[in-house]
Protein backbone atom coordinates (compact mmCIF):
# COMPACT_ATOMS: atom_id res chain seq x y z
CA ASP A 1 -21.06 85.71 41.35
CA TRP A 2 -21.59 87.78 43.98
CA ASP A 3 -23.67 85.29 46.22
CA TRP A 4 -21.86 82.81 45.83
CA LEU A 5 -18.95 84.68 46.66
CA ILE A 6 -20.74 85.66 49.73
CA MET A 7 -22.19 82.97 51.04
CA THR A 8 -17.53 81.26 50.44
CA GLN A 9 -16.90 84.13 52.80
CA VAL A 10 -19.71 83.86 55.56
CA PRO A 11 -19.00 81.35 58.22
CA GLY A 12 -20.30 78.51 58.66
CA ARG A 13 -23.42 76.49 57.31
CA ALA A 14 -26.49 75.62 55.58
CA LEU A 15 -29.90 74.04 57.55
CA THR A 16 -32.72 73.57 56.41
CA ARG A 17 -36.09 73.63 58.61
CA ALA A 18 -36.40 69.83 59.31
CA GLU A 19 -31.91 69.86 59.99
CA PHE A 20 -33.24 72.38 62.69
CA LEU A 21 -36.18 70.82 63.89
CA GLY A 22 -34.16 67.75 64.60
CA LEU A 23 -32.15 69.26 66.68
CA PRO A 24 -32.62 69.05 70.64
CA ALA A 25 -35.38 71.62 71.64
CA GLU A 26 -32.47 73.95 74.53
CA THR A 27 -30.79 73.94 71.10
CA GLN A 28 -33.67 75.14 68.97
CA LEU A 29 -34.65 77.63 72.10
CA ARG A 30 -31.43 79.01 72.00
CA LEU A 31 -30.64 79.84 68.56
CA VAL A 32 -34.31 80.93 67.91
CA ARG A 33 -33.12 83.30 70.98
CA HIS A 34 -29.51 84.19 69.30
CA LEU A 35 -31.48 85.20 66.40
CA ALA A 36 -34.32 87.63 68.22
CA ASP A 37 -30.83 88.95 69.93
CA GLY A 38 -30.03 89.95 66.00
CA LEU A 39 -32.24 91.23 65.06
CA ARG A 40 -32.94 93.08 67.67
CA GLN A 41 -29.28 95.13 67.71
CA ILE A 42 -29.79 95.03 63.11
CA HIS A 43 -32.71 97.06 63.97
CA ALA A 44 -31.44 99.19 66.29
CA VAL A 45 -29.19 100.16 63.07
CA GLY A 46 -29.67 103.92 61.82
CA PRO A 47 -31.59 103.35 58.29
CA GLU A 48 -30.49 106.50 57.15
CA PRO A 49 -29.00 105.64 54.38
CA PHE A 50 -32.66 104.41 53.12
CA ALA A 51 -35.04 106.20 51.70
CA ASP A 52 -38.42 106.21 54.16
CA ASP A 53 -40.99 105.02 51.41
CA TRP A 54 -42.20 102.36 54.13
CA ALA A 55 -46.17 104.50 53.90
CA THR A 56 -45.64 104.02 50.50
CA PHE A 57 -44.49 100.55 50.40
CA VAL A 58 -47.04 99.88 52.88
CA ALA A 59 -50.12 100.91 50.30
CA ASN A 60 -48.86 99.30 47.20
CA ARG A 61 -48.43 96.18 48.33
CA SER A 62 -52.00 95.87 50.26
CA SER A 63 -53.87 97.31 47.13
CA SER A 64 -51.68 94.66 44.82
CA PHE A 65 -52.71 91.72 47.47
CA ILE A 66 -55.91 91.10 46.45
CA GLU A 67 -54.65 90.27 42.68
CA ARG A 68 -51.33 88.91 43.17
CA GLN A 69 -53.11 86.35 44.96
CA ILE A 70 -56.17 85.62 42.46
CA GLY A 71 -52.67 84.70 40.52
CA HIS A 72 -51.56 82.24 42.81
CA GLY A 73 -54.91 80.20 43.01
CA VAL A 74 -56.27 81.18 45.91
CA ASP A 75 -59.46 79.37 46.82
CA PRO A 76 -62.30 82.29 45.49
CA LYS A 77 -63.94 82.23 48.70
CA ILE A 78 -60.88 83.14 50.67
CA ILE A 79 -60.52 85.60 48.02
CA ASP A 80 -64.10 87.03 48.89
CA ALA A 81 -63.13 87.23 52.57
CA LEU A 82 -60.05 89.70 52.03
CA PRO A 83 -60.99 93.02 51.21
CA ALA A 84 -62.47 92.35 55.30
CA PHE A 85 -59.98 91.35 56.45
CA ILE A 86 -57.17 93.79 54.98
CA GLU A 87 -59.55 97.00 55.97
CA LYS A 88 -59.88 95.44 59.83
CA HIS A 89 -56.18 95.16 60.04
CA LEU A 90 -54.22 97.31 57.89
CA PRO A 91 -54.88 100.25 60.18
CA ARG A 92 -52.58 98.30 62.87
CA VAL A 93 -49.63 98.47 60.68
CA PRO A 94 -47.78 101.21 61.25
CA LEU A 95 -46.15 103.40 59.01
CA GLY A 96 -43.50 105.25 61.53
CA PRO A 97 -41.02 105.40 63.43
CA THR A 98 -39.17 103.04 60.81
CA VAL A 99 -36.25 100.89 61.66
CA PHE A 100 -33.40 99.64 58.76
CA LEU A 101 -35.14 96.34 57.77
CA HIS A 102 -33.01 93.41 56.68
CA GLY A 103 -36.32 92.29 55.23
CA ASP A 104 -35.75 88.08 53.80
CA VAL A 105 -34.50 86.27 57.58
CA HIS A 106 -34.82 82.71 56.57
CA PHE A 107 -32.44 79.74 56.95
CA GLY A 108 -31.86 80.03 53.35
CA ASN A 109 -29.83 83.28 54.63
CA LEU A 110 -28.36 82.18 57.55
CA ARG A 111 -24.97 80.51 58.79
CA PHE A 112 -25.15 77.89 61.19
CA GLU A 113 -21.90 76.43 63.41
CA SER A 114 -20.62 73.92 65.71
CA ALA A 115 -18.59 76.31 68.80
CA ASP A 116 -17.89 74.13 71.36
CA GLY A 117 -20.06 71.62 70.66
CA GLU A 118 -22.99 74.07 70.43
CA GLU A 119 -24.95 75.11 67.42
CA ARG A 120 -24.67 78.50 66.68
CA ILE A 121 -25.99 81.21 64.09
CA SER A 122 -22.65 82.56 62.41
CA GLY A 123 -24.03 84.42 59.84
CA LEU A 124 -26.41 86.58 58.10
CA PHE A 125 -26.50 87.88 54.31
CA ASP A 126 -28.96 88.89 51.76
CA PHE A 127 -29.67 92.68 52.14
CA ALA A 128 -30.93 92.84 48.77
CA ASP A 129 -34.24 93.15 50.26
CA SER A 130 -33.43 95.35 53.09
CA ARG A 131 -35.82 98.63 53.77
CA ARG A 132 -36.79 100.98 56.20
CA GLY A 133 -40.43 100.28 57.62
CA PHE A 134 -41.85 98.68 60.93
CA HIS A 135 -39.10 96.27 62.87
CA GLU A 136 -42.20 93.71 63.35
CA TYR A 137 -41.83 93.10 58.90
CA ASP A 138 -38.45 91.67 59.57
CA LEU A 139 -40.30 88.65 62.88
CA LEU A 140 -43.08 87.28 60.26
CA ALA A 141 -40.29 85.92 57.76
CA VAL A 142 -39.05 83.54 60.97
CA GLY A 143 -42.45 83.05 61.98
CA VAL A 144 -43.59 81.80 58.45
CA LEU A 145 -40.73 80.84 56.88
CA MET A 146 -38.86 79.01 59.79
CA ILE A 147 -40.97 79.13 63.12
CA GLN A 148 -43.60 77.74 61.06
CA GLY A 149 -46.33 77.35 63.79
CA GLU A 150 -44.31 75.98 66.83
CA ARG A 151 -45.80 77.42 69.71
CA GLU A 152 -43.05 77.32 71.89
CA LEU A 153 -40.37 78.39 69.33
CA GLN A 154 -41.75 81.23 68.34
CA ARG A 155 -43.27 82.77 72.44
CA GLU A 156 -39.53 82.08 73.13
CA PHE A 157 -38.15 84.30 69.91
CA PHE A 158 -41.14 87.20 70.29
CA GLY A 159 -40.40 86.88 74.47
CA ALA A 160 -36.34 87.34 73.46
CA TYR A 161 -36.88 90.29 71.04
CA GLY A 162 -38.63 92.18 74.13
CA TYR A 163 -42.47 91.26 74.07
CA ALA A 164 -43.90 90.28 77.10
CA GLU A 165 -46.61 87.36 77.57
CA SER A 166 -49.44 90.23 77.56
CA ASP A 167 -48.23 91.51 74.26
CA LEU A 168 -49.01 88.45 72.34
CA THR A 169 -52.48 89.33 71.64
CA GLU A 170 -55.29 88.78 68.94
CA GLU A 171 -54.44 92.59 68.03
CA MET A 172 -51.04 91.52 67.24
CA ARG A 173 -51.66 87.99 65.59
CA GLY A 174 -53.79 89.71 63.27
CA ARG A 175 -50.84 92.40 62.92
CA MET A 176 -48.44 90.44 61.77
CA MET A 177 -50.74 88.37 59.73
CA MET A 178 -51.70 91.75 57.65
CA LEU A 179 -47.37 92.47 57.24
CA THR A 180 -47.65 88.85 55.96
CA MET A 181 -49.76 89.83 53.86
CA LEU A 182 -47.32 92.81 52.62
CA TYR A 183 -44.25 90.24 52.03
CA GLU A 184 -42.78 90.16 48.89
CA THR A 185 -43.44 86.83 47.76
CA SER A 186 -46.72 86.05 50.05
CA ASP A 187 -48.77 83.30 48.80
CA LEU A 188 -51.77 82.61 50.99
CA ARG A 189 -52.26 79.20 49.61
CA ARG A 190 -48.42 78.10 50.21
CA TYR A 191 -49.13 79.28 53.71
CA ALA A 192 -51.89 76.75 54.51
CA THR A 193 -49.96 73.70 53.12
CA PRO A 194 -47.97 71.89 55.22
């Protein structure tokens, strides 16, 4: 099993969200800064080996989103509001230029270790969902699956990636929500449940 082999070769250990939130606040902030910096470096890698099918991916994922949410059992009132939301926010998702994306950044695909008494990220693995695409697609999983509305951590993460405070607008929130809807396992019902 390749996953097992890779997991045993990447130094460090898994960290759950509960364990992460149990760390001192400054440690959490340092880790999200480290993660943002790492993603910025990944996005600087040349994406040429991957087909540039981002526009097709966006079209396919957005056209099937409502059907997938019906399958997840999302409230019909929310389903009824989705076409208008998609119409408003889908044009905000850039179709280019594209960068190399990991595609699935979350606690399960990261390893952590203590070095000199400080917790740090020691590795990122599982590149099975890697592709070319708009860089914010990699940032959304961090927000949805790791930070989950922790405002200070979210601002620290975006700031460390390179966003100015003035970039964190309602338009960006709408775009990030639209990107979340494109995510492979997107389930609005699960995201709304604490």
